Amino acid sequence: MLSGMFTLATLALTAETNNHAISLRQGRIPAPDYNRRCYGLQALFVLPALYDSLSFKSLVKGPRMKHFLDWREHAGASAEKFYKTTLWQGEHVMVGLNCLEPNQTQSAHAHQGADKFYFVLEGEGKFTVGNEERYATAGSLVVAPAGIAHGVANMSGERLSLLVAIAPLPK
């Protein structure tokens, strides 16, 4: 059985007589060897043919991660809570997309030991950073240093789309 954390990667399922083996195409598994027999559900793998149809596609880190992204291809909406997705995550920083529909909010919160910024892509939002509140529109950058409470509300009649980055990654 594979132990410890591993980087999600594209794996190919290959037949070996009556058993199955997973062979790693790209990525890494911190285990003694890179080819392990898989009996039952001992490993998580993503078949390349199914990859593009999976709803959690933007969460998969590894060789299929793109170097150039169009944020509009990742935009979404949720009636219950604002929509957010990870566009890219490296070892030290995470870049995401938050979409707030009219009257949705992200409650004030703080990240100890991590700085965050919001870059307004479209729409208008009411941002809170510490004791300060301001409206920001497309092209604005809102910075929330580590440990400072921050949040946003969409008080307009249109979607608010934000590019968000946080570094270093919260533990």
Protein backbone atom coordinates (compact mmCIF):
# COMPACT_ATOMS: atom_id res chain seq x y z
CA MET A 1 0.00 0.00 0.00
CA LEU A 2 1.27 3.48 -0.84
CA SER A 3 2.06 5.47 2.24
CA GLY A 4 2.39 9.17 2.91
CA MET A 5 1.26 12.09 0.80
CA PHE A 6 1.81 12.03 -2.93
CA THR A 7 1.50 14.49 -5.78
CA LEU A 8 -1.52 13.81 -7.96
CA ALA A 9 -0.30 12.95 -11.40
CA THR A 10 -1.54 11.32 -14.56
CA LEU A 11 -1.24 7.59 -14.15
CA ALA A 12 -1.74 4.86 -16.71
CA LEU A 13 -3.46 1.62 -15.79
CA THR A 14 -1.73 -1.35 -17.38
CA ALA A 15 -2.72 -5.00 -17.36
CA GLU A 16 -0.26 -7.57 -16.00
CA THR A 17 -1.63 -11.08 -16.41
CA ASN A 18 -4.52 -11.29 -13.90
CA ASN A 19 -3.31 -8.39 -11.75
CA HIS A 20 -3.13 -4.66 -12.32
CA ALA A 21 -0.21 -2.33 -11.83
CA ILE A 22 -0.05 1.44 -11.87
CA SER A 23 2.89 2.93 -13.69
CA LEU A 24 3.77 6.55 -13.12
CA ARG A 25 4.10 8.57 -16.32
CA GLN A 26 4.96 11.89 -14.70
CA GLY A 27 5.10 13.24 -11.18
CA ARG A 28 6.41 11.52 -8.08
CA ILE A 29 5.38 9.19 -5.30
CA PRO A 30 7.60 9.21 -2.21
CA ALA A 31 7.82 5.45 -2.00
CA PRO A 32 10.74 3.01 -2.45
CA ASP A 33 9.78 2.23 -6.04
CA TYR A 34 7.63 3.84 -8.73
CA ASN A 35 5.73 0.76 -9.89
CA ARG A 36 3.45 -0.77 -7.28
CA ARG A 37 0.84 -3.48 -7.59
CA CYS A 38 -2.60 -2.14 -6.86
CA TYR A 39 -5.07 -4.51 -5.17
CA GLY A 40 -8.41 -2.84 -4.53
CA LEU A 41 -8.49 0.87 -3.74
CA GLN A 42 -4.93 1.44 -2.55
CA ALA A 43 -4.05 4.32 -4.87
CA LEU A 44 -5.78 7.33 -6.37
CA PHE A 45 -5.24 7.67 -10.08
CA VAL A 46 -6.68 9.75 -12.90
CA LEU A 47 -7.01 8.15 -16.31
CA PRO A 48 -5.95 10.59 -19.04
CA ALA A 49 -9.08 9.89 -21.12
CA LEU A 50 -11.30 10.95 -18.21
CA TYR A 51 -9.18 13.85 -16.94
CA ASP A 52 -10.79 16.59 -19.03
CA SER A 53 -14.34 15.63 -17.98
CA LEU A 54 -13.68 15.61 -14.22
CA SER A 55 -15.30 18.40 -12.22
CA PHE A 56 -12.29 18.70 -9.89
CA LYS A 57 -9.91 19.29 -12.81
CA SER A 58 -8.65 22.62 -11.44
CA LEU A 59 -7.64 20.98 -8.14
CA VAL A 60 -5.30 18.46 -9.74
CA LYS A 61 -1.69 19.58 -9.43
CA GLY A 62 0.94 18.02 -11.60
CA PRO A 63 2.00 17.57 -15.18
CA ARG A 64 -1.30 18.64 -16.74
CA MET A 65 -1.15 22.07 -15.04
CA LYS A 66 -1.05 24.78 -17.69
CA HIS A 67 1.47 27.61 -17.70
CA PHE A 68 -0.93 30.02 -19.43
CA LEU A 69 -4.52 30.32 -18.22
CA ASP A 70 -7.60 32.29 -19.19
CA TRP A 71 -9.48 32.93 -15.93
CA ARG A 72 -12.80 33.14 -17.81
CA GLU A 73 -12.56 29.41 -18.60
CA HIS A 74 -12.61 28.72 -14.85
CA ALA A 75 -15.34 31.15 -13.75
CA GLY A 76 -18.41 29.70 -12.07
CA ALA A 77 -21.31 30.43 -9.78
CA SER A 78 -22.87 28.94 -6.69
CA ALA A 79 -26.21 29.98 -5.21
CA GLU A 80 -25.33 28.95 -1.63
CA LYS A 81 -21.85 30.48 -1.28
CA PHE A 82 -19.45 32.42 -3.46
CA TYR A 83 -17.61 30.28 -6.02
CA LYS A 84 -13.88 29.70 -5.73
CA THR A 85 -11.38 27.53 -7.51
CA THR A 86 -7.60 27.09 -7.54
CA LEU A 87 -6.06 28.18 -10.83
CA TRP A 88 -2.49 27.26 -9.92
CA GLN A 89 -0.58 26.17 -6.86
CA GLY A 90 3.15 25.95 -6.44
CA GLU A 91 5.26 25.07 -3.47
CA HIS A 92 5.03 28.60 -2.01
CA VAL A 93 2.01 30.36 -3.51
CA MET A 94 -1.58 29.61 -4.50
CA VAL A 95 -3.48 31.58 -7.16
CA GLY A 96 -7.23 31.26 -7.28
CA LEU A 97 -10.39 32.71 -8.74
CA ASN A 98 -13.28 33.90 -6.58
CA CYS A 99 -16.64 34.76 -8.19
CA LEU A 100 -19.26 36.50 -6.07
CA GLU A 101 -22.78 36.89 -7.39
CA PRO A 102 -24.84 39.93 -6.32
CA ASN A 103 -25.28 40.09 -2.51
CA GLN A 104 -22.73 37.34 -1.80
CA THR A 105 -19.94 37.96 0.69
CA GLN A 106 -16.70 36.52 1.92
CA SER A 107 -16.74 37.15 5.66
CA ALA A 108 -13.81 38.94 7.24
CA HIS A 109 -11.03 36.54 8.17
CA ALA A 110 -7.25 36.64 8.61
CA HIS A 111 -4.37 34.39 7.61
CA GLN A 112 -1.60 34.18 10.20
CA GLY A 113 1.77 34.09 8.48
CA ALA A 114 0.40 34.51 4.92
CA ASP A 115 -0.16 37.60 2.76
CA LYS A 116 -3.10 37.74 0.37
CA PHE A 117 -4.19 39.96 -2.48
CA TYR A 118 -7.34 40.39 -4.54
CA PHE A 119 -7.10 41.73 -8.10
CA VAL A 120 -10.51 42.79 -9.42
CA LEU A 121 -11.04 41.28 -12.88
CA GLU A 122 -14.64 42.41 -13.38
CA GLY A 123 -17.42 43.97 -11.36
CA GLU A 124 -17.32 46.06 -8.20
CA GLY A 125 -16.86 44.99 -4.60
CA LYS A 126 -16.81 46.50 -1.15
CA PHE A 127 -13.55 45.37 0.48
CA THR A 128 -12.59 45.44 4.12
CA VAL A 129 -8.94 45.31 5.18
CA GLY A 130 -8.39 45.90 8.88
CA ASN A 131 -10.54 48.89 9.86
CA GLU A 132 -10.68 50.31 6.32
CA GLU A 133 -13.54 49.79 3.83
CA ARG A 134 -13.37 50.78 0.17
CA TYR A 135 -15.07 50.00 -3.11
CA ALA A 136 -12.82 48.60 -5.83
CA THR A 137 -13.53 48.00 -9.52
CA ALA A 138 -11.84 46.18 -12.43
CA GLY A 139 -8.10 46.81 -12.42
CA SER A 140 -7.86 47.47 -8.66
CA LEU A 141 -5.48 45.61 -6.38
CA VAL A 142 -6.45 45.07 -2.73
CA VAL A 143 -3.70 43.83 -0.41
CA ALA A 144 -4.24 42.08 2.95
CA PRO A 145 -1.00 41.57 4.90
CA ALA A 146 -0.62 38.51 7.13
CA GLY A 147 -2.70 38.63 10.29
CA ILE A 148 -4.96 41.49 9.10
CA ALA A 149 -8.69 40.71 8.79
CA HIS A 150 -10.05 41.08 5.26
CA GLY A 151 -13.26 40.31 3.38
CA VAL A 152 -15.35 41.35 0.41
CA ALA A 153 -19.01 41.89 -0.46
CA ASN A 154 -20.65 42.19 -3.86
CA MET A 155 -23.23 44.94 -3.42
CA SER A 156 -23.69 45.46 -7.18
CA GLY A 157 -26.13 43.84 -9.57
CA GLU A 158 -23.37 42.06 -11.54
CA ARG A 159 -20.87 39.28 -10.86
CA LEU A 160 -17.64 40.22 -9.08
CA SER A 161 -14.63 38.18 -10.29
CA LEU A 162 -11.38 38.29 -8.34
CA LEU A 163 -7.93 36.89 -8.95
CA VAL A 164 -6.66 35.90 -5.51
CA ALA A 165 -3.18 34.89 -4.40
CA ILE A 166 -1.85 33.83 -1.00
CA ALA A 167 1.74 33.19 0.05
CA PRO A 168 3.21 31.40 1.70
CA LEU A 169 0.61 28.64 1.65
CA PRO A 170 -1.43 28.38 4.86
CA LYS A 171 -0.42 25.39 6.96
